[in-house]
Amino acid sequence: MLGKLLPLLLGLIGLAGGGAAGYFLRPAPPPAEHPTDPAAAEAAAGDHGAAPEAHGAPAAADHGGEGDVTSEFVKLNNQFIVPLVTESRISGMVILSLSLEVTVGETEAVYRAEPKLRDAFLQVLFDHANTGGFQGLFTDSANMSRLRRALTETARSILGPGVLAVLVSDIVRQDS
């Protein structure tokens, strides 16, 4: 029995150690520059030739179409670890990194609500795993769209319509 648990425990300890090292050794975010002079702010807003990062702003996307709708991408601080249970035993795990696409100015609201978001996202991920969403071709387009849609609906129920999408930035499945 111990011979079967030891590799799993060593894997989990290594995963936790790697996650902790990544968390503590990540680079500091660049300071945001916000012009206080209205003329400078208007000039910066009118300069469509430069990328948003050139102004020190967060990464933003222009969705074109009706008006200038821009969005910010907020990466959640820690990964999500979802156990895969088969016949009352853990048969593997899925590790995901998620980001939220929100309207400009919603970044702080995401970080304030992150514990509640993580709890709700874990429930969605556990439900997805329990219905077989991470079995077989778990990265199939239809399967991933269903997962993204469920996560986006959950985020909107917590943060409101400022959430445009939930993005899966990393996903890996490890079978035991």
N, C-alpha and C. Protein backbone atom coordinates (compact mmCIF):
# COMPACT_ATOMS: atom_id res chain seq x y z
N MET A 1 0.83 -1.19 0.00
CA MET A 1 0.00 0.00 0.00
C MET A 1 0.87 1.25 0.00
N LEU A 2 1.90 1.24 0.87
CA LEU A 2 2.80 2.40 0.94
C LEU A 2 3.56 2.58 -0.36
N GLY A 3 3.87 1.49 -1.02
CA GLY A 3 4.57 1.56 -2.31
C GLY A 3 3.76 2.25 -3.39
N LYS A 4 2.43 2.20 -3.28
CA LYS A 4 1.58 2.87 -4.25
C LYS A 4 1.37 4.33 -3.90
N LEU A 5 1.36 4.64 -2.62
CA LEU A 5 1.13 6.02 -2.19
C LEU A 5 2.38 6.89 -2.27
N LEU A 6 3.54 6.30 -2.09
CA LEU A 6 4.78 7.06 -2.07
C LEU A 6 5.03 7.85 -3.36
N PRO A 7 4.90 7.27 -4.56
CA PRO A 7 5.10 8.07 -5.78
C PRO A 7 4.09 9.21 -5.90
N LEU A 8 2.85 8.95 -5.50
CA LEU A 8 1.83 10.00 -5.57
C LEU A 8 2.17 11.14 -4.60
N LEU A 9 2.59 10.79 -3.39
CA LEU A 9 2.96 11.82 -2.41
C LEU A 9 4.19 12.60 -2.87
N LEU A 10 5.18 11.92 -3.43
CA LEU A 10 6.36 12.61 -3.92
C LEU A 10 6.01 13.55 -5.07
N GLY A 11 5.11 13.11 -5.95
CA GLY A 11 4.67 13.96 -7.05
C GLY A 11 3.95 15.20 -6.55
N LEU A 12 3.06 15.03 -5.57
CA LEU A 12 2.34 16.16 -5.01
C LEU A 12 3.28 17.13 -4.29
N ILE A 13 4.25 16.60 -3.56
CA ILE A 13 5.22 17.46 -2.87
C ILE A 13 6.05 18.23 -3.90
N GLY A 14 6.47 17.56 -4.96
CA GLY A 14 7.23 18.25 -6.02
C GLY A 14 6.40 19.31 -6.71
N LEU A 15 5.14 19.01 -6.96
CA LEU A 15 4.24 19.97 -7.59
C LEU A 15 4.04 21.19 -6.69
N ALA A 16 3.81 20.95 -5.41
CA ALA A 16 3.61 22.05 -4.47
C ALA A 16 4.89 22.89 -4.35
N GLY A 17 6.03 22.22 -4.30
CA GLY A 17 7.31 22.95 -4.21
C GLY A 17 7.56 23.79 -5.45
N GLY A 18 7.28 23.23 -6.62
CA GLY A 18 7.46 23.98 -7.87
C GLY A 18 6.51 25.16 -7.95
N GLY A 19 5.26 24.94 -7.53
CA GLY A 19 4.29 26.04 -7.52
C GLY A 19 4.70 27.14 -6.56
N ALA A 20 5.17 26.76 -5.37
CA ALA A 20 5.61 27.76 -4.40
C ALA A 20 6.83 28.52 -4.92
N ALA A 21 7.78 27.81 -5.52
CA ALA A 21 8.96 28.50 -6.07
C ALA A 21 8.56 29.46 -7.18
N GLY A 22 7.65 29.04 -8.05
CA GLY A 22 7.18 29.92 -9.12
C GLY A 22 6.47 31.14 -8.58
N TYR A 23 5.68 30.95 -7.52
CA TYR A 23 4.93 32.06 -6.92
C TYR A 23 5.89 33.07 -6.28
N PHE A 24 6.85 32.59 -5.51
CA PHE A 24 7.74 33.50 -4.80
C PHE A 24 8.84 34.09 -5.68
N LEU A 25 9.18 33.46 -6.78
CA LEU A 25 10.25 33.94 -7.65
C LEU A 25 9.74 34.67 -8.89
N ARG A 26 8.43 34.90 -8.97
CA ARG A 26 7.90 35.61 -10.14
C ARG A 26 8.36 37.06 -10.12
N PRO A 27 8.54 37.65 -11.30
CA PRO A 27 9.00 39.04 -11.35
C PRO A 27 7.90 39.99 -10.88
N ALA A 28 8.32 41.12 -10.35
CA ALA A 28 7.37 42.13 -9.89
C ALA A 28 6.67 42.75 -11.10
N PRO A 29 5.38 43.08 -10.96
CA PRO A 29 4.68 43.71 -12.08
C PRO A 29 5.23 45.11 -12.33
N PRO A 30 5.25 45.54 -13.60
CA PRO A 30 5.77 46.87 -13.90
C PRO A 30 4.82 47.93 -13.32
N PRO A 31 5.35 49.06 -12.88
CA PRO A 31 4.48 50.10 -12.34
C PRO A 31 3.62 50.69 -13.45
N ALA A 32 2.37 50.94 -13.14
CA ALA A 32 1.45 51.52 -14.13
C ALA A 32 1.63 53.02 -14.15
N GLU A 33 1.69 53.57 -15.34
CA GLU A 33 1.84 55.01 -15.49
C GLU A 33 0.50 55.58 -15.93
N HIS A 34 -0.04 56.48 -15.14
CA HIS A 34 -1.29 57.14 -15.46
C HIS A 34 -1.04 58.63 -15.52
N PRO A 35 -1.15 59.24 -16.70
CA PRO A 35 -0.90 60.68 -16.78
C PRO A 35 -1.95 61.45 -16.00
N THR A 36 -1.50 62.41 -15.19
CA THR A 36 -2.43 63.23 -14.41
C THR A 36 -2.84 64.47 -15.17
N ASP A 37 -2.09 64.85 -16.19
CA ASP A 37 -2.42 66.01 -17.00
C ASP A 37 -3.47 65.61 -18.03
N PRO A 38 -4.66 66.27 -18.04
CA PRO A 38 -5.71 65.88 -19.00
C PRO A 38 -5.25 65.95 -20.45
N ALA A 39 -4.41 66.93 -20.79
CA ALA A 39 -3.93 67.04 -22.17
C ALA A 39 -3.05 65.84 -22.52
N ALA A 40 -2.22 65.38 -21.58
CA ALA A 40 -1.36 64.22 -21.83
C ALA A 40 -2.21 62.95 -21.95
N ALA A 41 -3.25 62.86 -21.13
CA ALA A 41 -4.13 61.70 -21.21
C ALA A 41 -4.86 61.66 -22.55
N GLU A 42 -5.31 62.83 -23.02
CA GLU A 42 -6.00 62.89 -24.31
C GLU A 42 -5.06 62.56 -25.45
N ALA A 43 -3.81 63.02 -25.35
CA ALA A 43 -2.82 62.72 -26.39
C ALA A 43 -2.52 61.23 -26.42
N ALA A 44 -2.42 60.63 -25.24
CA ALA A 44 -2.14 59.19 -25.17
C ALA A 44 -3.32 58.40 -25.72
N ALA A 45 -4.55 58.84 -25.44
CA ALA A 45 -5.73 58.14 -25.93
C ALA A 45 -5.86 58.30 -27.44
N GLY A 46 -5.40 59.42 -27.96
CA GLY A 46 -5.53 59.66 -29.40
C GLY A 46 -4.44 59.02 -30.21
N ASP A 47 -3.39 58.49 -29.61
CA ASP A 47 -2.27 57.88 -30.32
C ASP A 47 -2.59 56.43 -30.61
N HIS A 48 -3.17 56.16 -31.79
CA HIS A 48 -3.56 54.80 -32.13
C HIS A 48 -2.41 54.02 -32.77
N GLY A 49 -1.30 54.65 -33.07
CA GLY A 49 -0.20 53.98 -33.75
C GLY A 49 0.66 53.15 -32.83
N ALA A 50 0.64 53.43 -31.54
CA ALA A 50 1.50 52.72 -30.60
C ALA A 50 0.71 51.64 -29.89
N ALA A 51 1.39 50.60 -29.49
CA ALA A 51 0.75 49.53 -28.75
C ALA A 51 0.42 50.03 -27.35
N PRO A 52 -0.63 49.49 -26.69
CA PRO A 52 -0.98 49.93 -25.36
C PRO A 52 0.15 49.74 -24.36
N GLU A 53 0.98 48.70 -24.56
CA GLU A 53 2.07 48.46 -23.63
C GLU A 53 3.10 49.58 -23.67
N ALA A 54 3.17 50.32 -24.78
CA ALA A 54 4.14 51.40 -24.88
C ALA A 54 3.79 52.54 -23.94
N HIS A 55 2.54 52.62 -23.50
CA HIS A 55 2.12 53.66 -22.59
C HIS A 55 2.13 53.18 -21.15
N GLY A 56 2.55 51.95 -20.89
CA GLY A 56 2.58 51.41 -19.55
C GLY A 56 1.23 50.85 -19.12
N ALA A 57 0.28 50.77 -20.03
CA ALA A 57 -1.04 50.25 -19.70
C ALA A 57 -1.01 48.73 -19.73
N PRO A 58 -1.97 48.10 -19.06
CA PRO A 58 -2.05 46.64 -19.13
C PRO A 58 -2.34 46.19 -20.55
N ALA A 59 -2.08 44.92 -20.82
CA ALA A 59 -2.37 44.38 -22.14
C ALA A 59 -3.85 44.55 -22.41
N ALA A 60 -4.19 45.12 -23.56
CA ALA A 60 -5.59 45.37 -23.89
C ALA A 60 -5.85 44.89 -25.30
N ALA A 61 -7.10 44.60 -25.57
CA ALA A 61 -7.49 44.15 -26.90
C ALA A 61 -8.57 45.07 -27.42
N ASP A 62 -8.51 45.40 -28.70
CA ASP A 62 -9.52 46.23 -29.34
C ASP A 62 -10.43 45.30 -30.10
N HIS A 63 -11.71 45.31 -29.76
CA HIS A 63 -12.65 44.41 -30.39
C HIS A 63 -13.30 45.01 -31.62
N GLY A 64 -12.93 46.22 -31.99
CA GLY A 64 -13.45 46.85 -33.20
C GLY A 64 -14.96 46.91 -33.18
N GLY A 65 -15.55 47.04 -34.32
CA GLY A 65 -17.00 47.06 -34.40
C GLY A 65 -17.57 48.35 -33.87
N GLU A 66 -18.53 48.25 -32.98
CA GLU A 66 -19.22 49.41 -32.46
C GLU A 66 -18.40 50.07 -31.36
N GLY A 67 -17.79 51.20 -31.66
CA GLY A 67 -17.03 51.95 -30.67
C GLY A 67 -15.68 51.33 -30.39
N ASP A 68 -14.99 51.95 -29.45
CA ASP A 68 -13.67 51.45 -29.05
C ASP A 68 -13.81 50.71 -27.72
N VAL A 69 -14.15 49.43 -27.78
CA VAL A 69 -14.26 48.63 -26.57
C VAL A 69 -12.90 47.99 -26.34
N THR A 70 -12.32 48.28 -25.18
CA THR A 70 -11.03 47.67 -24.85
C THR A 70 -11.21 46.79 -23.64
N SER A 71 -10.31 45.87 -23.49
CA SER A 71 -10.39 44.95 -22.36
C SER A 71 -9.00 44.74 -21.78
N GLU A 72 -9.01 44.26 -20.55
CA GLU A 72 -7.77 43.93 -19.85
C GLU A 72 -7.81 42.44 -19.54
N PHE A 73 -6.64 41.84 -19.45
CA PHE A 73 -6.53 40.44 -19.12
C PHE A 73 -5.94 40.32 -17.72
N VAL A 74 -6.64 39.58 -16.86
CA VAL A 74 -6.23 39.41 -15.47
C VAL A 74 -5.91 37.94 -15.25
N LYS A 75 -4.64 37.65 -14.97
CA LYS A 75 -4.23 36.27 -14.71
C LYS A 75 -4.43 35.96 -13.23
N LEU A 76 -5.15 34.90 -12.95
CA LEU A 76 -5.36 34.51 -11.56
C LEU A 76 -4.04 33.98 -11.01
N ASN A 77 -3.79 34.29 -9.74
CA ASN A 77 -2.47 34.07 -9.15
C ASN A 77 -2.01 32.62 -9.10
N ASN A 78 -2.87 31.70 -8.77
CA ASN A 78 -2.45 30.32 -8.60
C ASN A 78 -3.16 29.41 -9.59
N GLN A 79 -2.55 28.25 -9.82
CA GLN A 79 -3.14 27.27 -10.71
C GLN A 79 -4.29 26.56 -10.00
N PHE A 80 -5.12 25.90 -10.79
CA PHE A 80 -6.20 25.09 -10.27
C PHE A 80 -5.82 23.63 -10.46
N ILE A 81 -5.94 22.83 -9.39
CA ILE A 81 -5.61 21.41 -9.44
C ILE A 81 -6.89 20.63 -9.23
N VAL A 82 -7.24 19.81 -10.22
CA VAL A 82 -8.50 19.06 -10.20
C VAL A 82 -8.16 17.57 -10.19
N PRO A 83 -8.54 16.86 -9.13
CA PRO A 83 -8.30 15.41 -9.13
C PRO A 83 -9.28 14.70 -10.04
N LEU A 84 -8.81 13.66 -10.71
CA LEU A 84 -9.66 12.82 -11.56
C LEU A 84 -9.93 11.54 -10.79
N VAL A 85 -11.18 11.27 -10.50
CA VAL A 85 -11.57 10.13 -9.68
C VAL A 85 -12.23 9.08 -10.57
N THR A 86 -11.71 7.86 -10.47
CA THR A 86 -12.27 6.72 -11.21
C THR A 86 -12.47 5.59 -10.21
N GLU A 87 -13.69 5.13 -10.11
CA GLU A 87 -14.02 4.01 -9.21
C GLU A 87 -13.50 4.27 -7.80
N SER A 88 -13.80 5.43 -7.25
CA SER A 88 -13.48 5.82 -5.87
C SER A 88 -11.98 5.93 -5.60
N ARG A 89 -11.18 6.11 -6.64
CA ARG A 89 -9.74 6.34 -6.41
C ARG A 89 -9.26 7.42 -7.38
N ILE A 90 -8.23 8.12 -6.98
CA ILE A 90 -7.68 9.18 -7.82
C ILE A 90 -6.87 8.53 -8.94
N SER A 91 -7.29 8.77 -10.17
CA SER A 91 -6.62 8.16 -11.32
C SER A 91 -5.72 9.16 -12.05
N GLY A 92 -5.71 10.39 -11.61
CA GLY A 92 -4.88 11.41 -12.23
C GLY A 92 -5.28 12.78 -11.74
N MET A 93 -4.72 13.80 -12.38
CA MET A 93 -5.08 15.17 -12.03
C MET A 93 -4.91 16.07 -13.24
N VAL A 94 -5.67 17.16 -13.23
CA VAL A 94 -5.58 18.17 -14.27
C VAL A 94 -5.16 19.46 -13.58
N ILE A 95 -4.20 20.15 -14.19
CA ILE A 95 -3.72 21.42 -13.65
C ILE A 95 -3.99 22.49 -14.70
N LEU A 96 -4.67 23.57 -14.28
CA LEU A 96 -5.06 24.64 -15.19
C LEU A 96 -4.60 25.98 -14.66
N SER A 97 -4.29 26.88 -15.58
CA SER A 97 -4.08 28.29 -15.27
C SER A 97 -5.16 29.06 -16.02
N LEU A 98 -5.82 29.97 -15.32
CA LEU A 98 -6.92 30.72 -15.90
C LEU A 98 -6.65 32.21 -15.87
N SER A 99 -7.16 32.91 -16.87
CA SER A 99 -7.13 34.37 -16.94
C SER A 99 -8.53 34.83 -17.26
N LEU A 100 -8.84 36.06 -16.85
CA LEU A 100 -10.14 36.65 -17.16
C LEU A 100 -9.94 37.84 -18.07
N GLU A 101 -10.78 37.94 -19.09
CA GLU A 101 -10.82 39.12 -19.93
C GLU A 101 -11.96 39.98 -19.40
N VAL A 102 -11.61 41.19 -18.94
CA VAL A 102 -12.59 42.08 -18.33
C VAL A 102 -12.53 43.45 -19.00
N THR A 103 -13.58 44.23 -18.82
CA THR A 103 -13.56 45.59 -19.35
C THR A 103 -12.55 46.41 -18.56
N VAL A 104 -12.07 47.47 -19.18
CA VAL A 104 -11.06 48.31 -18.56
C VAL A 104 -11.57 48.83 -17.22
N GLY A 105 -10.72 48.72 -16.19
CA GLY A 105 -11.06 49.21 -14.87
C GLY A 105 -11.60 48.15 -13.93
N GLU A 106 -11.76 46.92 -14.41
CA GLU A 106 -12.33 45.85 -13.57
C GLU A 106 -11.25 44.98 -12.92
N THR A 107 -9.99 45.27 -13.16
CA THR A 107 -8.91 44.41 -12.66
C THR A 107 -8.93 44.30 -11.14
N GLU A 108 -9.06 45.43 -10.45
CA GLU A 108 -9.06 45.40 -8.99
C GLU A 108 -10.24 44.62 -8.44
N ALA A 109 -11.40 44.72 -9.10
CA ALA A 109 -12.58 43.96 -8.66
C ALA A 109 -12.31 42.46 -8.75
N VAL A 110 -11.58 42.04 -9.79
CA VAL A 110 -11.24 40.62 -9.93
C VAL A 110 -10.37 40.17 -8.76
N TYR A 111 -9.34 40.95 -8.44
CA TYR A 111 -8.44 40.56 -7.35
C TYR A 111 -9.15 40.60 -6.00
N ARG A 112 -10.09 41.54 -5.80
CA ARG A 112 -10.83 41.58 -4.54
C ARG A 112 -11.73 40.35 -4.39
N ALA A 113 -12.29 39.88 -5.49
CA ALA A 113 -13.21 38.74 -5.45
C ALA A 113 -12.52 37.41 -5.73
N GLU A 114 -11.20 37.40 -5.82
CA GLU A 114 -10.49 36.17 -6.22
C GLU A 114 -10.79 34.96 -5.34
N PRO A 115 -10.85 35.07 -4.00
CA PRO A 115 -11.17 33.86 -3.22
C PRO A 115 -12.55 33.28 -3.59
N LYS A 116 -13.53 34.14 -3.78
CA LYS A 116 -14.86 33.68 -4.15
C LYS A 116 -14.85 33.10 -5.57
N LEU A 117 -14.11 33.74 -6.48
CA LEU A 117 -13.98 33.23 -7.85
C LEU A 117 -13.33 31.85 -7.85
N ARG A 118 -12.24 31.70 -7.09
CA ARG A 118 -11.53 30.42 -7.06
C ARG A 118 -12.46 29.31 -6.57
N ASP A 119 -13.23 29.59 -5.52
CA ASP A 119 -14.15 28.59 -4.98
C ASP A 119 -15.18 28.19 -6.03
N ALA A 120 -15.77 29.17 -6.69
CA ALA A 120 -16.79 28.88 -7.71
C ALA A 120 -16.18 28.18 -8.91
N PHE A 121 -14.97 28.60 -9.33
CA PHE A 121 -14.31 27.96 -10.46
C PHE A 121 -13.97 26.50 -10.14
N LEU A 122 -13.51 26.24 -8.91
CA LEU A 122 -13.20 24.86 -8.54
C LEU A 122 -14.45 23.98 -8.62
N GLN A 123 -15.59 24.52 -8.19
CA GLN A 123 -16.82 23.73 -8.27
C GLN A 123 -17.16 23.41 -9.73
N VAL A 124 -17.01 24.39 -10.62
CA VAL A 124 -17.26 24.16 -12.04
C VAL A 124 -16.28 23.11 -12.59
N LEU A 125 -15.02 23.23 -12.22
CA LEU A 125 -14.00 22.28 -12.69
C LEU A 125 -14.24 20.88 -12.15
N PHE A 126 -14.65 20.77 -10.87
CA PHE A 126 -14.96 19.45 -10.31
C PHE A 126 -16.16 18.84 -11.03
N ASP A 127 -17.20 19.65 -11.29
CA ASP A 127 -18.36 19.15 -12.02
C ASP A 127 -17.97 18.68 -13.42
N HIS A 128 -17.11 19.46 -14.08
CA HIS A 128 -16.63 19.10 -15.42
C HIS A 128 -15.87 17.76 -15.37
N ALA A 129 -15.04 17.60 -14.35
CA ALA A 129 -14.28 16.35 -14.20
C ALA A 129 -15.21 15.18 -13.90
N ASN A 130 -16.21 15.40 -13.04
CA ASN A 130 -17.12 14.31 -12.65
C ASN A 130 -18.02 13.87 -13.79
N THR A 131 -18.23 14.72 -14.79
CA THR A 131 -19.04 14.33 -15.95
C THR A 131 -18.17 13.81 -17.09
N GLY A 132 -16.88 13.60 -16.82
CA GLY A 132 -15.98 13.04 -17.83
C GLY A 132 -15.37 14.05 -18.77
N GLY A 133 -15.43 15.32 -18.43
CA GLY A 133 -14.92 16.37 -19.30
C GLY A 133 -13.41 16.34 -19.49
N PHE A 134 -12.69 15.73 -18.55
CA PHE A 134 -11.23 15.67 -18.67
C PHE A 134 -10.75 14.28 -19.09
N GLN A 135 -11.65 13.43 -19.55
CA GLN A 135 -11.28 12.10 -20.02
C GLN A 135 -11.12 12.13 -21.54
N GLY A 136 -10.40 11.21 -22.10
CA GLY A 136 -10.26 11.10 -23.55
C GLY A 136 -9.68 12.36 -24.17
N LEU A 137 -10.31 12.86 -25.22
CA LEU A 137 -9.85 14.07 -25.91
C LEU A 137 -10.33 15.30 -25.14
N PHE A 138 -9.74 15.53 -23.98
CA PHE A 138 -10.21 16.61 -23.10
C PHE A 138 -9.93 17.99 -23.66
N THR A 139 -9.06 18.13 -24.67
CA THR A 139 -8.78 19.43 -25.26
C THR A 139 -9.54 19.64 -26.57
N ASP A 140 -10.51 18.77 -26.85
CA ASP A 140 -11.36 18.92 -28.02
C ASP A 140 -12.04 20.29 -27.98
N SER A 141 -12.19 20.90 -29.14
CA SER A 141 -12.73 22.26 -29.24
C SER A 141 -14.09 22.41 -28.57
N ALA A 142 -15.00 21.49 -28.82
CA ALA A 142 -16.34 21.57 -28.24
C ALA A 142 -16.28 21.42 -26.72
N ASN A 143 -15.43 20.52 -26.25
CA ASN A 143 -15.28 20.28 -24.82
C ASN A 143 -14.71 21.51 -24.12
N MET A 144 -13.69 22.12 -24.72
CA MET A 144 -13.08 23.31 -24.12
C MET A 144 -14.04 24.50 -24.17
N SER A 145 -14.82 24.62 -25.24
CA SER A 145 -15.80 25.70 -25.34
C SER A 145 -16.84 25.58 -24.24
N ARG A 146 -17.29 24.36 -23.98
CA ARG A 146 -18.28 24.12 -22.92
C ARG A 146 -17.69 24.53 -21.56
N LEU A 147 -16.43 24.17 -21.32
CA LEU A 147 -15.79 24.53 -20.06
C LEU A 147 -15.62 26.04 -19.94
N ARG A 148 -15.14 26.70 -21.00
CA ARG A 148 -14.97 28.16 -20.96
C ARG A 148 -16.30 28.87 -20.72
N ARG A 149 -17.34 28.39 -21.38
CA ARG A 149 -18.67 29.01 -21.24
C ARG A 149 -19.16 28.88 -19.79
N ALA A 150 -18.99 27.71 -19.19
CA ALA A 150 -19.42 27.51 -17.80
C ALA A 150 -18.61 28.40 -16.84
N LEU A 151 -17.31 28.52 -17.09
CA LEU A 151 -16.48 29.37 -16.23
C LEU A 151 -16.84 30.84 -16.41
N THR A 152 -17.13 31.26 -17.64
CA THR A 152 -17.51 32.65 -17.90
C THR A 152 -18.83 32.98 -17.23
N GLU A 153 -19.81 32.10 -17.33
CA GLU A 153 -21.10 32.33 -16.67
C GLU A 153 -20.93 32.44 -15.16
N THR A 154 -20.06 31.61 -14.60
CA THR A 154 -19.81 31.65 -13.16
C THR A 154 -19.15 32.97 -12.77
N ALA A 155 -18.16 33.40 -13.55
CA ALA A 155 -17.48 34.66 -13.25
C ALA A 155 -18.44 35.84 -13.35
N ARG A 156 -19.33 35.82 -14.34
CA ARG A 156 -20.31 36.91 -14.49
C ARG A 156 -21.30 36.92 -13.33
N SER A 157 -21.63 35.75 -12.80
CA SER A 157 -22.56 35.72 -11.66
C SER A 157 -21.93 36.34 -10.42
N ILE A 158 -20.61 36.36 -10.35
CA ILE A 158 -19.91 36.96 -9.20
C ILE A 158 -19.53 38.41 -9.45
N LEU A 159 -18.99 38.70 -10.64
CA LEU A 159 -18.45 40.03 -10.94
C LEU A 159 -19.36 40.90 -11.79
N GLY A 160 -20.34 40.32 -12.44
CA GLY A 160 -21.23 41.10 -13.29
C GLY A 160 -20.80 41.09 -14.74
N PRO A 161 -21.42 41.97 -15.54
CA PRO A 161 -21.20 41.96 -16.99
C PRO A 161 -19.83 42.47 -17.43
N GLY A 162 -19.00 42.93 -16.50
CA GLY A 162 -17.66 43.38 -16.86
C GLY A 162 -16.75 42.25 -17.27
N VAL A 163 -17.15 41.01 -17.02
CA VAL A 163 -16.36 39.84 -17.43
C VAL A 163 -16.75 39.50 -18.87
N LEU A 164 -15.77 39.54 -19.75
CA LEU A 164 -16.02 39.24 -21.16
C LEU A 164 -15.79 37.77 -21.47
N ALA A 165 -14.77 37.17 -20.85
CA ALA A 165 -14.46 35.76 -21.12
C ALA A 165 -13.51 35.23 -20.06
N VAL A 166 -13.51 33.92 -19.89
CA VAL A 166 -12.51 33.23 -19.08
C VAL A 166 -11.65 32.45 -20.05
N LEU A 167 -10.35 32.63 -19.94
CA LEU A 167 -9.40 32.01 -20.86
C LEU A 167 -8.60 30.93 -20.14
N VAL A 168 -8.43 29.80 -20.77
CA VAL A 168 -7.58 28.73 -20.24
C VAL A 168 -6.20 28.94 -20.83
N SER A 169 -5.27 29.45 -20.02
CA SER A 169 -3.94 29.76 -20.55
C SER A 169 -2.99 28.57 -20.52
N ASP A 170 -3.19 27.65 -19.58
CA ASP A 170 -2.38 26.42 -19.50
C ASP A 170 -3.29 25.30 -19.03
N ILE A 171 -3.08 24.12 -19.58
CA ILE A 171 -3.82 22.94 -19.11
C ILE A 171 -2.95 21.73 -19.33
N VAL A 172 -2.88 20.87 -18.32
CA VAL A 172 -2.12 19.63 -18.44
C VAL A 172 -2.86 18.56 -17.63
N ARG A 173 -2.86 17.35 -18.16
CA ARG A 173 -3.45 16.21 -17.45
C ARG A 173 -2.34 15.22 -17.16
N GLN A 174 -2.29 14.77 -15.92
CA GLN A 174 -1.31 13.76 -15.54
C GLN A 174 -2.07 12.54 -15.05
N ASP A 175 -1.90 11.43 -15.73
CA ASP A 175 -2.54 10.18 -15.34
C ASP A 175 -1.58 9.39 -14.47
N SER A 176 -2.15 8.70 -13.47
CA SER A 176 -1.26 7.93 -12.58
C SER A 176 -1.19 6.48 -13.02
